[in-house]
PDB file of N, CA and C in Angstrom:
ATOM      1  N   MET A   1       8.671 -10.849  -7.817  1.00  0.00           N
ATOM      2  CA  MET A   1       7.060 -10.128  -8.477  1.00  0.00           C
ATOM      3  C   MET A   1       8.350  -9.378  -9.521  1.00  0.00           C
ATOM      4  N   HIS A   2       7.525  -9.106 -10.978  1.00  0.00           N
ATOM      5  CA  HIS A   2       7.314  -8.792 -11.991  1.00  0.00           C
ATOM      6  C   HIS A   2       7.033  -7.458 -12.617  1.00  0.00           C
ATOM      7  N   GLY A   3       7.746  -6.805 -13.495  1.00  0.00           N
ATOM      8  CA  GLY A   3       7.790  -4.743 -13.323  1.00  0.00           C
ATOM      9  C   GLY A   3       6.207  -5.224 -13.572  1.00  0.00           C
ATOM     10  N   PHE A   4       5.329  -5.991 -14.353  1.00  0.00           N
ATOM     11  CA  PHE A   4       3.863  -5.990 -14.661  1.00  0.00           C
ATOM     12  C   PHE A   4       3.051  -5.325 -13.273  1.00  0.00           C
ATOM     13  N   GLN A   5       3.477  -6.074 -12.164  1.00  0.00           N
ATOM     14  CA  GLN A   5       3.058  -6.462 -11.036  1.00  0.00           C
ATOM     15  C   GLN A   5       3.821  -4.785 -10.179  1.00  0.00           C
ATOM     16  N   LEU A   6       4.451  -4.537 -10.334  1.00  0.00           N
ATOM     17  CA  LEU A   6       5.199  -3.093  -9.850  1.00  0.00           C
ATOM     18  C   LEU A   6       4.408  -2.483  -9.938  1.00  0.00           C
ATOM     19  N   VAL A   7       4.034  -1.855 -11.552  1.00  0.00           N
ATOM     20  CA  VAL A   7       3.293  -1.356 -12.369  1.00  0.00           C
ATOM     21  C   VAL A   7       1.757  -0.830 -11.995  1.00  0.00           C
ATOM     22  N   ARG A   8       1.337  -2.292 -11.247  1.00  0.00           N
ATOM     23  CA  ARG A   8      -0.320  -1.962 -10.847  1.00  0.00           C
ATOM     24  C   ARG A   8       0.000  -1.432  -9.661  1.00  0.00           C
ATOM     25  N   ILE A   9       0.867  -1.897  -8.662  1.00  0.00           N
ATOM     26  CA  ILE A   9       0.785  -1.317  -7.917  1.00  0.00           C
ATOM     27  C   ILE A   9       0.640   0.896  -7.441  1.00  0.00           C
ATOM     28  N   TYR A  10       1.655   1.301  -8.557  1.00  0.00           N
ATOM     29  CA  TYR A  10       2.060   1.998  -8.825  1.00  0.00           C
ATOM     30  C   TYR A  10       0.391   3.169  -9.217  1.00  0.00           C
ATOM     31  N   GLU A  11      -0.502   2.319 -10.354  1.00  0.00           N
ATOM     32  CA  GLU A  11      -1.583   2.879 -10.752  1.00  0.00           C
ATOM     33  C   GLU A  11      -2.434   2.803  -9.609  1.00  0.00           C
ATOM     34  N   GLU A  12      -2.737   1.595  -8.769  1.00  0.00           N
ATOM     35  CA  GLU A  12      -3.588   1.547  -7.649  1.00  0.00           C
ATOM     36  C   GLU A  12      -3.196   2.528  -6.865  1.00  0.00           C
ATOM     37  N   MET A  13      -2.162   3.109  -6.243  1.00  0.00           N
ATOM     38  CA  MET A  13      -1.729   3.838  -5.526  1.00  0.00           C
ATOM     39  C   MET A  13      -2.271   5.200  -5.899  1.00  0.00           C
ATOM     40  N   LYS A  14      -1.580   5.782  -6.988  1.00  0.00           N
ATOM     41  CA  LYS A  14      -1.675   7.148  -7.753  1.00  0.00           C
ATOM     42  C   LYS A  14      -3.770   6.817  -7.536  1.00  0.00           C
ATOM     43  N   ASN A  15      -4.513   5.951  -7.837  1.00  0.00           N
ATOM     44  CA  ASN A  15      -5.967   6.289  -7.677  1.00  0.00           C
ATOM     45  C   ASN A  15      -6.093   6.790  -6.155  1.00  0.00           C
ATOM     46  N   LEU A  16      -5.721   6.111  -5.647  1.00  0.00           N
ATOM     47  CA  LEU A  16      -5.912   6.765  -3.967  1.00  0.00           C
ATOM     48  C   LEU A  16      -5.624   8.082  -3.738  1.00  0.00           C
ATOM     49  N   GLY A  17      -4.274   8.315  -4.525  1.00  0.00           N
ATOM     50  CA  GLY A  17      -3.963   9.549  -3.821  1.00  0.00           C
ATOM     51  C   GLY A  17      -2.741   9.394  -3.245  1.00  0.00           C
ATOM     52  N   LEU A  18      -1.810   8.517  -3.216  1.00  0.00           N
ATOM     53  CA  LEU A  18      -1.048   8.372  -2.494  1.00  0.00           C
ATOM     54  C   LEU A  18       0.497   8.446  -3.654  1.00  0.00           C
ATOM     55  N   VAL A  19       0.355   8.537  -4.448  1.00  0.00           N
ATOM     56  CA  VAL A  19       1.333   9.437  -5.373  1.00  0.00           C
ATOM     57  C   VAL A  19       0.731  10.225  -6.480  1.00  0.00           C
ATOM     58  N   ARG A  20       1.605  11.189  -6.652  1.00  0.00           N
ATOM     59  CA  ARG A  20       1.343  12.081  -7.796  1.00  0.00           C
ATOM     60  C   ARG A  20       1.710  11.516  -9.237  1.00  0.00           C
ATOM     61  N   SER A  21       3.030  11.083  -9.116  1.00  0.00           N
ATOM     62  CA  SER A  21       3.586  10.765 -10.612  1.00  0.00           C
ATOM     63  C   SER A  21       4.438   9.575 -10.426  1.00  0.00           C
ATOM     64  N   ARG A  22       4.759   8.802 -11.615  1.00  0.00           N
ATOM     65  CA  ARG A  22       5.559   7.932 -12.053  1.00  0.00           C
ATOM     66  C   ARG A  22       7.315   8.233 -10.909  1.00  0.00           C
ATOM     67  N   GLU A  23       7.560   9.297 -11.472  1.00  0.00           N
ATOM     68  CA  GLU A  23       8.716   9.725 -10.598  1.00  0.00           C
ATOM     69  C   GLU A  23       8.774   9.551  -9.295  1.00  0.00           C
ATOM     70  N   GLN A  24       7.384  10.459  -8.629  1.00  0.00           N
ATOM     71  CA  GLN A  24       7.442  10.434  -7.116  1.00  0.00           C
ATOM     72  C   GLN A  24       8.005   8.705  -6.582  1.00  0.00           C
ATOM     73  N   PHE A  25       6.695   8.479  -7.507  1.00  0.00           N
ATOM     74  CA  PHE A  25       7.018   6.688  -6.616  1.00  0.00           C
ATOM     75  C   PHE A  25       8.419   5.819  -6.979  1.00  0.00           C
ATOM     76  N   SER A  26       8.744   6.413  -8.147  1.00  0.00           N
ATOM     77  CA  SER A  26      10.313   5.634  -8.570  1.00  0.00           C
ATOM     78  C   SER A  26      10.690   6.320  -6.743  1.00  0.00           C
ATOM     79  N   ARG A  27      10.935   7.491  -7.037  1.00  0.00           N
ATOM     80  CA  ARG A  27      12.312   7.881  -5.655  1.00  0.00           C
ATOM     81  C   ARG A  27      11.668   7.863  -4.169  1.00  0.00           C
ATOM     82  N   SER A  28       9.993   7.983  -3.934  1.00  0.00           N
ATOM     83  CA  SER A  28       9.909   8.316  -2.665  1.00  0.00           C
ATOM     84  C   SER A  28       9.850   6.664  -2.386  1.00  0.00           C
ATOM     85  N   TRP A  29       9.643   6.027  -3.179  1.00  0.00           N
ATOM     86  CA  TRP A  29       8.525   4.690  -2.462  1.00  0.00           C
ATOM     87  C   TRP A  29       9.726   3.325  -2.692  1.00  0.00           C
ATOM     88  N   CYS A  30       9.912   3.802  -3.769  1.00  0.00           N
ATOM     89  CA  CYS A  30      10.912   2.458  -3.981  1.00  0.00           C
ATOM     90  C   CYS A  30      12.547   2.524  -4.287  1.00  0.00           C
ATOM     91  N   GLY A  31      12.616   3.813  -3.810  1.00  0.00           N
ATOM     92  CA  GLY A  31      13.952   4.192  -3.142  1.00  0.00           C
ATOM     93  C   GLY A  31      15.346   4.481  -4.754  1.00  0.00           C
ATOM     94  N   ARG A  32      14.690   4.071  -5.862  1.00  0.00           N
ATOM     95  CA  ARG A  32      15.510   4.040  -7.157  1.00  0.00           C
ATOM     96  C   ARG A  32      15.791   5.746  -7.743  1.00  0.00           C
ATOM     97  N   HIS A  33      15.177   5.596  -8.509  1.00  0.00           N
ATOM     98  CA  HIS A  33      16.037   6.733  -9.452  1.00  0.00           C
ATOM     99  C   HIS A  33      14.732   7.155 -10.249  1.00  0.00           C
ATOM    100  N   PRO A  34      14.465   8.931 -10.576  1.00  0.00           N
ATOM    101  CA  PRO A  34      13.190   9.134 -10.894  1.00  0.00           C
ATOM    102  C   PRO A  34      12.204   8.548 -12.479  1.00  0.00           C
ATOM    103  N   GLY A  35      13.093   7.616 -12.836  1.00  0.00           N
ATOM    104  CA  GLY A  35      13.072   6.846 -14.526  1.00  0.00           C
ATOM    105  C   GLY A  35      13.030   5.447 -14.171  1.00  0.00           C
ATOM    106  N   TYR A  36      12.766   5.400 -12.497  1.00  0.00           N
ATOM    107  CA  TYR A  36      12.961   3.549 -12.890  1.00  0.00           C
ATOM    108  C   TYR A  36      12.184   3.013 -12.769  1.00  0.00           C
ATOM    109  N   LEU A  37      10.281   3.234 -12.698  1.00  0.00           N
ATOM    110  CA  LEU A  37       9.242   3.013 -13.332  1.00  0.00           C
ATOM    111  C   LEU A  37       9.106   2.731 -14.784  1.00  0.00           C
ATOM    112  N   ARG A  38       9.981   3.665 -15.275  1.00  0.00           N
ATOM    113  CA  ARG A  38       9.488   4.056 -16.850  1.00  0.00           C
ATOM    114  C   ARG A  38      10.319   2.838 -17.093  1.00  0.00           C
ATOM    115  N   ASP A  39      11.578   1.824 -16.769  1.00  0.00           N
ATOM    116  CA  ASP A  39      12.452   0.799 -17.013  1.00  0.00           C
ATOM    117  C   ASP A  39      11.127  -0.148 -17.255  1.00  0.00           C
ATOM    118  N   TYR A  40      10.316  -0.329 -16.388  1.00  0.00           N
ATOM    119  CA  TYR A  40       9.192  -1.508 -16.119  1.00  0.00           C
ATOM    120  C   TYR A  40       7.695  -1.528 -17.507  1.00  0.00           C
ATOM    121  N   LEU A  41       7.960  -0.381 -17.818  1.00  0.00           N
ATOM    122  CA  LEU A  41       6.760   0.218 -19.143  1.00  0.00           C
ATOM    123  C   LEU A  41       7.121  -0.094 -20.462  1.00  0.00           C
ATOM    124  N   ARG A  42       8.202  -0.093 -20.626  1.00  0.00           N
ATOM    125  CA  ARG A  42       8.858  -0.982 -21.913  1.00  0.00           C
ATOM    126  C   ARG A  42       8.468  -2.344 -21.970  1.00  0.00           C
ATOM    127  N   ARG A  43       8.178  -3.090 -23.384  1.00  0.00           N
ATOM    128  CA  ARG A  43       7.565  -3.972 -23.236  1.00  0.00           C
ATOM    129  C   ARG A  43       8.252  -5.412 -22.455  1.00  0.00           C
ATOM    130  N   GLU A  44       9.773  -5.558 -22.905  1.00  0.00           N
ATOM    131  CA  GLU A  44      10.564  -6.428 -21.970  1.00  0.00           C
ATOM    132  C   GLU A  44      10.379  -6.025 -20.222  1.00  0.00           C
ATOM    133  N   GLY A  45      10.538  -4.879 -20.268  1.00  0.00           N
ATOM    134  CA  GLY A  45       9.975  -4.676 -18.776  1.00  0.00           C
ATOM    135  C   GLY A  45       9.090  -5.246 -17.722  1.00  0.00           C
ATOM    136  N   ALA A  46       8.144  -5.439 -18.757  1.00  0.00           N
ATOM    137  CA  ALA A  46       7.013  -6.226 -18.016  1.00  0.00           C
ATOM    138  C   ALA A  46       7.019  -7.800 -17.338  1.00  0.00           C
ATOM    139  N   THR A  47       7.981  -8.070 -17.725  1.00  0.00           N
ATOM    140  CA  THR A  47       8.924  -9.586 -17.393  1.00  0.00           C
ATOM    141  C   THR A  47       9.896  -9.344 -16.564  1.00  0.00           C
ATOM    142  N   MET A  48      10.425  -8.440 -16.041  1.00  0.00           N
ATOM    143  CA  MET A  48      11.330  -8.187 -15.670  1.00  0.00           C
ATOM    144  C   MET A  48      11.119  -8.594 -13.850  1.00  0.00           C
ATOM    145  N   ARG A  49      12.155  -9.444 -13.635  1.00  0.00           N
ATOM    146  CA  ARG A  49      11.707  -9.436 -11.977  1.00  0.00           C
ATOM    147  C   ARG A  49      12.375  -8.173 -11.268  1.00  0.00           C
ATOM    148  N   VAL A  50      11.820  -7.628 -10.420  1.00  0.00           N
ATOM    149  CA  VAL A  50      12.012  -6.528  -9.839  1.00  0.00           C
ATOM    150  C   VAL A  50      12.649  -6.562  -8.576  1.00  0.00           C
ATOM    151  N   SER A  51      14.137  -6.044  -8.184  1.00  0.00           N
ATOM    152  CA  SER A  51      15.366  -6.369  -7.252  1.00  0.00           C
ATOM    153  C   SER A  51      15.016  -6.758  -5.745  1.00  0.00           C
ATOM    154  N   VAL A  52      15.248  -7.144  -5.153  1.00  0.00           N
ATOM    155  CA  VAL A  52      14.541  -7.537  -3.707  1.00  0.00           C
ATOM    156  C   VAL A  52      15.050  -5.963  -2.787  1.00  0.00           C
ATOM    157  N   GLN A  53      15.917  -4.931  -3.244  1.00  0.00           N
ATOM    158  CA  GLN A  53      16.352  -3.485  -2.807  1.00  0.00           C
ATOM    159  C   GLN A  53      14.815  -3.137  -2.555  1.00  0.00           C
ATOM    160  N   THR A  54      14.456  -2.932  -3.590  1.00  0.00           N
ATOM    161  CA  THR A  54      13.289  -2.227  -4.005  1.00  0.00           C
ATOM    162  C   THR A  54      12.224  -2.941  -3.877  1.00  0.00           C
ATOM    163  N   ILE A  55      11.964  -3.984  -3.455  1.00  0.00           N
ATOM    164  CA  ILE A  55      10.927  -4.531  -2.745  1.00  0.00           C
ATOM    165  C   ILE A  55      10.899  -3.706  -1.319  1.00  0.00           C
ATOM    166  N   GLN A  56      12.057  -4.241  -0.786  1.00  0.00           N
ATOM    167  CA  GLN A  56      12.432  -3.781   0.186  1.00  0.00           C
ATOM    168  C   GLN A  56      11.974  -2.873   0.825  1.00  0.00           C
ATOM    169  N   SER A  57      12.578  -1.544   0.039  1.00  0.00           N
ATOM    170  CA  SER A  57      11.986  -0.339   0.482  1.00  0.00           C
ATOM    171  C   SER A  57      10.373  -0.031   0.178  1.00  0.00           C
ATOM    172  N   LEU A  58       9.990  -0.237  -1.125  1.00  0.00           N
ATOM    173  CA  LEU A  58       8.094  -0.513  -1.167  1.00  0.00           C
ATOM    174  C   LEU A  58       7.516  -0.559   0.099  1.00  0.00           C
ATOM    175  N   ARG A  59       8.129  -1.991   0.467  1.00  0.00           N
ATOM    176  CA  ARG A  59       7.233  -2.659   1.513  1.00  0.00           C
ATOM    177  C   ARG A  59       7.575  -1.636   2.752  1.00  0.00           C
ATOM    178  N   LEU A  60       8.549  -1.178   3.256  1.00  0.00           N
ATOM    179  CA  LEU A  60       9.054  -0.586   4.268  1.00  0.00           C
ATOM    180  C   LEU A  60       8.256   0.770   4.297  1.00  0.00           C
ATOM    181  N   ARG A  61       8.298   1.560   3.758  1.00  0.00           N
ATOM    182  CA  ARG A  61       7.271   2.789   2.846  1.00  0.00           C
ATOM    183  C   ARG A  61       6.203   2.620   3.168  1.00  0.00           C
ATOM    184  N   LEU A  62       5.562   1.161   3.317  1.00  0.00           N
ATOM    185  CA  LEU A  62       4.296   1.007   3.049  1.00  0.00           C
ATOM    186  C   LEU A  62       3.457   0.615   4.023  1.00  0.00           C
ATOM    187  N   ALA A  63       4.604  -0.060   5.013  1.00  0.00           N
ATOM    188  CA  ALA A  63       4.211  -0.113   6.591  1.00  0.00           C
ATOM    189  C   ALA A  63       4.461   1.687   7.217  1.00  0.00           C
ATOM    190  N   GLU A  64       5.515   2.119   7.299  1.00  0.00           N
ATOM    191  CA  GLU A  64       5.476   3.494   7.702  1.00  0.00           C
ATOM    192  C   GLU A  64       4.151   4.286   7.413  1.00  0.00           C
ATOM    193  N   ALA A  65       3.911   4.692   6.347  1.00  0.00           N
ATOM    194  CA  ALA A  65       2.616   5.102   5.655  1.00  0.00           C
ATOM    195  C   ALA A  65       1.677   4.573   6.304  1.00  0.00           C
ATOM    196  N   GLY A  66       0.806   3.306   6.152  1.00  0.00           N
ATOM    197  CA  GLY A  66      -0.177   2.441   7.241  1.00  0.00           C
ATOM    198  C   GLY A  66      -0.282   2.863   8.530  1.00  0.00           C
ATOM    199  N   SER A  67       0.397   3.196   8.892  1.00  0.00           N
ATOM    200  CA  SER A  67       1.008   3.571  10.256  1.00  0.00           C
ATOM    201  C   SER A  67       0.377   5.073  10.464  1.00  0.00           C
ATOM    202  N   LEU A  68       0.216   6.007   9.498  1.00  0.00           N
ATOM    203  CA  LEU A  68       0.020   6.985   9.285  1.00  0.00           C
ATOM    204  C   LEU A  68      -1.352   7.648   8.442  1.00  0.00           C
ATOM    205  N   LEU A  69      -2.305   6.539   8.241  1.00  0.00           N
ATOM    206  CA  LEU A  69      -3.079   6.461   7.297  1.00  0.00           C
ATOM    207  C   LEU A  69      -4.402   6.285   8.269  1.00  0.00           C
ATOM    208  N   PRO A  70      -5.341   7.193   7.977  1.00  0.00           N
ATOM    209  CA  PRO A  70      -6.883   6.332   8.525  1.00  0.00           C
ATOM    210  C   PRO A  70      -7.154   5.175   8.474  1.00  0.00           C
ATOM    211  N   PRO A  71      -8.083   4.621   9.158  1.00  0.00           N
ATOM    212  CA  PRO A  71      -8.411   2.694   8.969  1.00  0.00           C
ATOM    213  C   PRO A  71      -8.526   2.797   7.630  1.00  0.00           C
ATOM    214  N   ASP A  72      -9.395   3.049   6.915  1.00  0.00           N
ATOM    215  CA  ASP A  72      -9.958   2.815   5.601  1.00  0.00           C
ATOM    216  C   ASP A  72      -8.556   3.136   4.195  1.00  0.00           C
ATOM    217  N   LEU A  73      -8.020   4.133   4.097  1.00  0.00           N
ATOM    218  CA  LEU A  73      -6.841   3.911   3.885  1.00  0.00           C
ATOM    219  C   LEU A  73      -5.774   2.811   3.920  1.00  0.00           C
ATOM    220  N   ARG A  74      -5.621   2.915   5.620  1.00  0.00           N
ATOM    221  CA  ARG A  74      -4.546   1.257   5.842  1.00  0.00           C
ATOM    222  C   ARG A  74      -4.660   0.315   5.798  1.00  0.00           C
ATOM    223  N   ASP A  75      -5.754   0.364   5.504  1.00  0.00           N
ATOM    224  CA  ASP A  75      -6.412  -1.655   5.068  1.00  0.00           C
ATOM    225  C   ASP A  75      -6.075  -1.612   3.550  1.00  0.00           C
ATOM    226  N   ARG A  76      -5.725  -0.769   2.763  1.00  0.00           N
ATOM    227  CA  ARG A  76      -5.815  -0.918   1.137  1.00  0.00           C
ATOM    228  C   ARG A  76      -4.120  -1.048   1.349  1.00  0.00           C
ATOM    229  N   VAL A  77      -3.463  -0.415   2.064  1.00  0.00           N
ATOM    230  CA  VAL A  77      -2.024   0.175   1.976  1.00  0.00           C
ATOM    231  C   VAL A  77      -1.015  -1.298   2.936  1.00  0.00           C
ATOM    232  N   GLN A  78      -2.083  -1.901   2.843  1.00  0.00           N
ATOM    233  CA  GLN A  78      -2.015  -3.568   4.105  1.00  0.00           C
ATOM    234  C   GLN A  78      -1.684  -4.128   2.489  1.00  0.00           C
ATOM    235  N   ALA A  79      -3.362  -4.067   1.816  1.00  0.00           N
ATOM    236  CA  ALA A  79      -3.507  -5.163   1.181  1.00  0.00           C
ATOM    237  C   ALA A  79      -2.738  -4.718  -0.295  1.00  0.00           C
ATOM    238  N   PHE A  80      -2.132  -3.645  -0.081  1.00  0.00           N
ATOM    239  CA  PHE A  80      -0.715  -3.414  -1.521  1.00  0.00           C
ATOM    240  C   PHE A  80       0.046  -4.722  -0.875  1.00  0.00           C
ATOM    241  N   ASP A  81       0.494  -4.406   0.305  1.00  0.00           N
ATOM    242  CA  ASP A  81       1.535  -5.543   0.893  1.00  0.00           C
ATOM    243  C   ASP A  81       1.819  -7.317   0.679  1.00  0.00           C
ATOM    244  N   ALA A  82       0.263  -7.026   0.754  1.00  0.00           N
ATOM    245  CA  ALA A  82      -0.441  -8.659   0.681  1.00  0.00           C
ATOM    246  C   ALA A  82       0.336  -8.924  -0.742  1.00  0.00           C
ATOM    247  N   ALA A  83       0.015  -7.902  -1.409  1.00  0.00           N
ATOM    248  CA  ALA A  83      -0.140  -8.571  -3.183  1.00  0.00           C
ATOM    249  C   ALA A  83       1.253  -8.913  -3.326  1.00  0.00           C
ATOM    250  N   ILE A  84       2.260  -7.733  -2.569  1.00  0.00           N
ATOM    251  CA  ILE A  84       3.496  -7.834  -3.178  1.00  0.00           C
ATOM    252  C   ILE A  84       4.030  -9.691  -2.779  1.00  0.00           C
ATOM    253  N   LEU A  85       3.504  -9.809  -1.359  1.00  0.00           N
ATOM    254  CA  LEU A  85       4.172 -10.871  -0.944  1.00  0.00           C
ATOM    255  C   LEU A  85       3.256 -12.032  -2.435  1.00  0.00           C
ATOM    256  N   ARG A  86       2.133 -11.671  -1.915  1.00  0.00           N
ATOM    257  CA  ARG A  86       1.750 -13.038  -3.297  1.00  0.00           C
ATOM    258  C   ARG A  86       2.763 -12.968  -4.692  1.00  0.00           C
ATOM    259  N   ASP A  87       2.326 -11.827  -4.949  1.00  0.00           N
ATOM    260  CA  ASP A  87       3.172 -11.671  -6.632  1.00  0.00           C
ATOM    261  C   ASP A  87       5.085 -12.282  -6.332  1.00  0.00           C
ATOM    262  N   MET A  88       5.495 -12.512  -5.336  1.00  0.00           N
ATOM    263  CA  MET A  88       7.084 -12.491  -4.983  1.00  0.00           C
ATOM    264  C   MET A  88       7.034 -14.068  -5.073  1.00  0.00           C
ATOM    265  N   ARG A  89       5.922 -14.838  -4.537  1.00  0.00           N
ATOM    266  CA  ARG A  89       5.394 -15.989  -4.741  1.00  0.00           C
ATOM    267  C   ARG A  89       5.163 -16.693  -6.368  1.00  0.00           C
ATOM    268  N   VAL A  90       4.146 -15.828  -6.443  1.00  0.00           N
ATOM    269  CA  VAL A  90       4.026 -16.379  -8.382  1.00  0.00           C
ATOM    270  C   VAL A  90       5.643 -16.250  -8.613  1.00  0.00           C
ATOM    271  N   ALA A  91       6.078 -15.178  -8.881  1.00  0.00           N
ATOM    272  CA  ALA A  91       7.127 -14.888  -9.904  1.00  0.00           C
ATOM    273  C   ALA A  91       8.032 -16.223  -9.303  1.00  0.00           C
ATOM    274  N   ASP A  92       8.465 -16.387  -8.224  1.00  0.00           N
ATOM    275  CA  ASP A  92       9.833 -18.063  -7.636  1.00  0.00           C
ATOM    276  C   ASP A  92       9.012 -18.913  -8.772  1.00  0.00           C
ATOM    277  N   LEU A  93       7.724 -19.271  -8.158  1.00  0.00           N
ATOM    278  CA  LEU A  93       7.136 -20.623  -8.495  1.00  0.00           C
ATOM    279  C   LEU A  93       7.085 -19.903 -10.332  1.00  0.00           C
ATOM    280  N   LEU A  94       6.974 -19.450 -11.025  1.00  0.00           N
ATOM    281  CA  LEU A  94       7.606 -19.848 -12.888  1.00  0.00           C
ATOM    282  C   LEU A  94       8.731 -19.470 -12.973  1.00  0.00           C
ATOM    283  N   GLY A  95       9.520 -18.973 -11.989  1.00  0.00           N
ATOM    284  CA  GLY A  95      10.997 -19.076 -12.291  1.00  0.00           C
ATOM    285  C   GLY A  95      11.377 -20.631 -11.634  1.00  0.00           C
ATOM    286  N   ARG A  96      11.152 -20.901 -11.154  1.00  0.00           N
ATOM    287  CA  ARG A  96      11.439 -22.525 -10.703  1.00  0.00           C
ATOM    288  C   ARG A  96      10.810 -23.584 -12.203  1.00  0.00           C
ATOM    289  N   ARG A  97       9.774 -23.023 -12.336  1.00  0.00           N
ATOM    290  CA  ARG A  97       9.315 -23.903 -13.229  1.00  0.00           C
ATOM    291  C   ARG A  97      10.246 -23.644 -14.881  1.00  0.00           C
ATOM    292  N   SER A  98      10.562 -22.287 -14.837  1.00  0.00           N
ATOM    293  CA  SER A  98      11.163 -22.256 -16.606  1.00  0.00           C
ATOM    294  C   SER A  98      12.480 -23.359 -16.223  1.00  0.00           C
ATOM    295  N   ILE A  99      13.145 -22.831 -14.609  1.00  0.00           N
ATOM    296  CA  ILE A  99      14.566 -23.935 -14.555  1.00  0.00           C
ATOM    297  C   ILE A  99      14.291 -24.765 -15.002  1.00  0.00           C
ATOM    298  N   ASP A 100      13.011 -25.688 -13.984  1.00  0.00           N
ATOM    299  CA  ASP A 100      13.048 -27.050 -14.410  1.00  0.00           C
ATOM    300  C   ASP A 100      12.743 -27.929 -15.597  1.00  0.00           C
ATOM    301  N   ALA A 101      11.665 -26.743 -16.282  1.00  0.00           N
ATOM    302  CA  ALA A 101      11.513 -27.221 -17.912  1.00  0.00           C
ATOM    303  C   ALA A 101      12.771 -27.054 -18.367  1.00  0.00           C
ATOM    304  N   ARG A 102      14.343 -26.033 -18.426  1.00  0.00           N
ATOM    305  CA  ARG A 102      15.447 -26.226 -19.442  1.00  0.00           C
ATOM    306  C   ARG A 102      16.386 -27.366 -19.060  1.00  0.00           C
ATOM    307  N   ILE A 103      16.296 -28.367 -17.204  1.00  0.00           N
ATOM    308  CA  ILE A 103      16.605 -29.150 -17.368  1.00  0.00           C
ATOM    309  C   ILE A 103      16.354 -30.241 -17.345  1.00  0.00           C
ATOM    310  N   THR A 104      15.210 -30.603 -18.056  1.00  0.00           N
ATOM    311  CA  THR A 104      14.529 -31.582 -18.776  1.00  0.00           C
ATOM    312  C   THR A 104      14.213 -31.973 -19.375  1.00  0.00           C
ATOM    313  N   ALA A 105      14.294 -30.753 -20.195  1.00  0.00           N
ATOM    314  CA  ALA A 105      14.357 -30.672 -21.924  1.00  0.00           C
ATOM    315  C   ALA A 105      15.704 -31.335 -22.434  1.00  0.00           C
TER     316      ALA A 105
END
């Protein structure tokens, strides 16, 4: 998962009213310092990989929240988790391709 994908999830969660700010998302959902998401908003941050610990924290909190939300919001939260898994696979594929390109070049 890359930084721009984490930012996209934050923006969607904010639109749903699940978070109020980047700082809250960073602390409460990602388990990081309040400025964590801001680091990914920098130009170079968009393509940085998100740490496994952050992804695990976010997925755990999404699962916890999903169990407490009404069905329509629960479905949206589960869709976030599915998007995270998809984004992780894409990031892994892109990483392998860039490594393979360096090896064969």
